[in-house]
Amino acid sequence: MKIRVHVSLKPGVLDPQGRAVHHALEGLGFAGVDDVRVGRLIELDVADDTSDEALAEMCEKLLANTVIENYRIEKVG
């Protein structure tokens, strides 16, 4: 089973990479971009019988820093 884990910073957490992208977009002449937040996508191929609880545990123990990040698990196909 294919899994995608979307990880993003929680609201209110400073995102220096997002600020740098925002600044670069302005420098390239792209107006109207109010804010940029940068996250990451992790793709996993797991056994079909992997439980939702096991996937959440993977995220909470390794894939996301739950102090400053949110995650969303998406089952593909």
Protein backbone atom coordinates (compact mmCIF):
# COMPACT_ATOMS: atom_id res chain seq x y z
CA MET A 1 0.00 0.00 0.00
CA LYS A 2 1.32 3.43 -0.88
CA ILE A 3 1.18 6.11 1.80
CA ARG A 4 1.92 9.81 1.61
CA VAL A 5 2.66 11.74 4.78
CA HIS A 6 2.32 15.50 4.44
CA VAL A 7 4.27 17.37 7.13
CA SER A 8 3.91 21.11 7.72
CA LEU A 9 4.80 23.57 10.43
CA LYS A 10 2.07 24.40 12.91
CA PRO A 11 0.49 27.86 12.65
CA GLY A 12 2.55 30.43 14.53
CA VAL A 13 5.85 28.57 14.10
CA LEU A 14 8.44 30.67 12.29
CA ASP A 15 9.18 29.33 8.78
CA PRO A 16 12.51 30.80 7.61
CA GLN A 17 12.49 28.70 4.44
CA GLY A 18 9.01 29.96 3.59
CA ARG A 19 10.12 33.55 4.19
CA ALA A 20 13.12 33.06 1.88
CA VAL A 21 10.87 31.67 -0.88
CA HIS A 22 8.44 34.56 -0.39
CA HIS A 23 11.27 37.09 -0.65
CA ALA A 24 12.64 35.37 -3.78
CA LEU A 25 9.21 35.39 -5.44
CA GLU A 26 8.87 39.11 -4.76
CA GLY A 27 12.37 39.66 -6.16
CA LEU A 28 11.35 37.85 -9.35
CA GLY A 29 8.40 40.20 -9.75
CA PHE A 30 5.58 37.91 -8.58
CA ALA A 31 3.13 40.18 -6.78
CA GLY A 32 0.14 39.10 -4.72
CA VAL A 33 1.79 36.31 -2.73
CA ASP A 34 0.88 37.07 0.87
CA ASP A 35 2.62 34.21 2.66
CA VAL A 36 4.60 31.04 1.93
CA ARG A 37 4.84 27.98 4.16
CA VAL A 38 7.21 25.16 3.18
CA GLY A 39 6.57 21.57 4.19
CA ARG A 40 7.64 18.14 3.05
CA LEU A 41 6.13 15.03 1.54
CA ILE A 42 7.21 11.54 2.59
CA GLU A 43 6.14 8.57 0.47
CA LEU A 44 6.08 5.09 1.99
CA ASP A 45 5.31 1.68 0.53
CA VAL A 46 3.98 -0.44 3.41
CA ALA A 47 2.32 -3.83 3.80
CA ASP A 48 -1.41 -3.81 3.05
CA ASP A 49 -2.24 -4.86 6.61
CA THR A 50 -0.38 -1.92 8.22
CA SER A 51 -2.80 -0.34 10.69
CA ASP A 52 -3.68 3.33 10.92
CA GLU A 53 -2.33 3.26 14.47
CA ALA A 54 1.05 1.98 13.23
CA LEU A 55 1.19 4.72 10.59
CA ALA A 56 0.41 7.38 13.18
CA GLU A 57 3.08 5.94 15.47
CA MET A 58 5.65 6.15 12.65
CA CYS A 59 4.79 9.81 12.20
CA GLU A 60 4.86 10.67 15.88
CA LYS A 61 8.10 8.82 16.63
CA LEU A 62 10.15 9.69 13.55
CA LEU A 63 8.58 11.37 10.54
CA ALA A 64 7.24 14.55 12.18
CA ASN A 65 8.33 16.67 15.11
CA THR A 66 4.89 16.94 16.71
CA VAL A 67 5.99 19.81 18.95
CA ILE A 68 6.21 22.17 15.95
CA GLU A 69 4.74 20.19 13.04
CA ASN A 70 1.40 18.77 11.95
CA TYR A 71 1.11 15.71 9.74
CA ARG A 72 -1.57 14.24 7.52
CA ILE A 73 -1.59 10.64 6.32
CA GLU A 74 -2.96 9.93 2.84
CA LYS A 75 -3.54 6.44 1.49
CA VAL A 76 -2.91 6.42 -2.27
CA GLY A 77 -5.05 4.23 -4.52
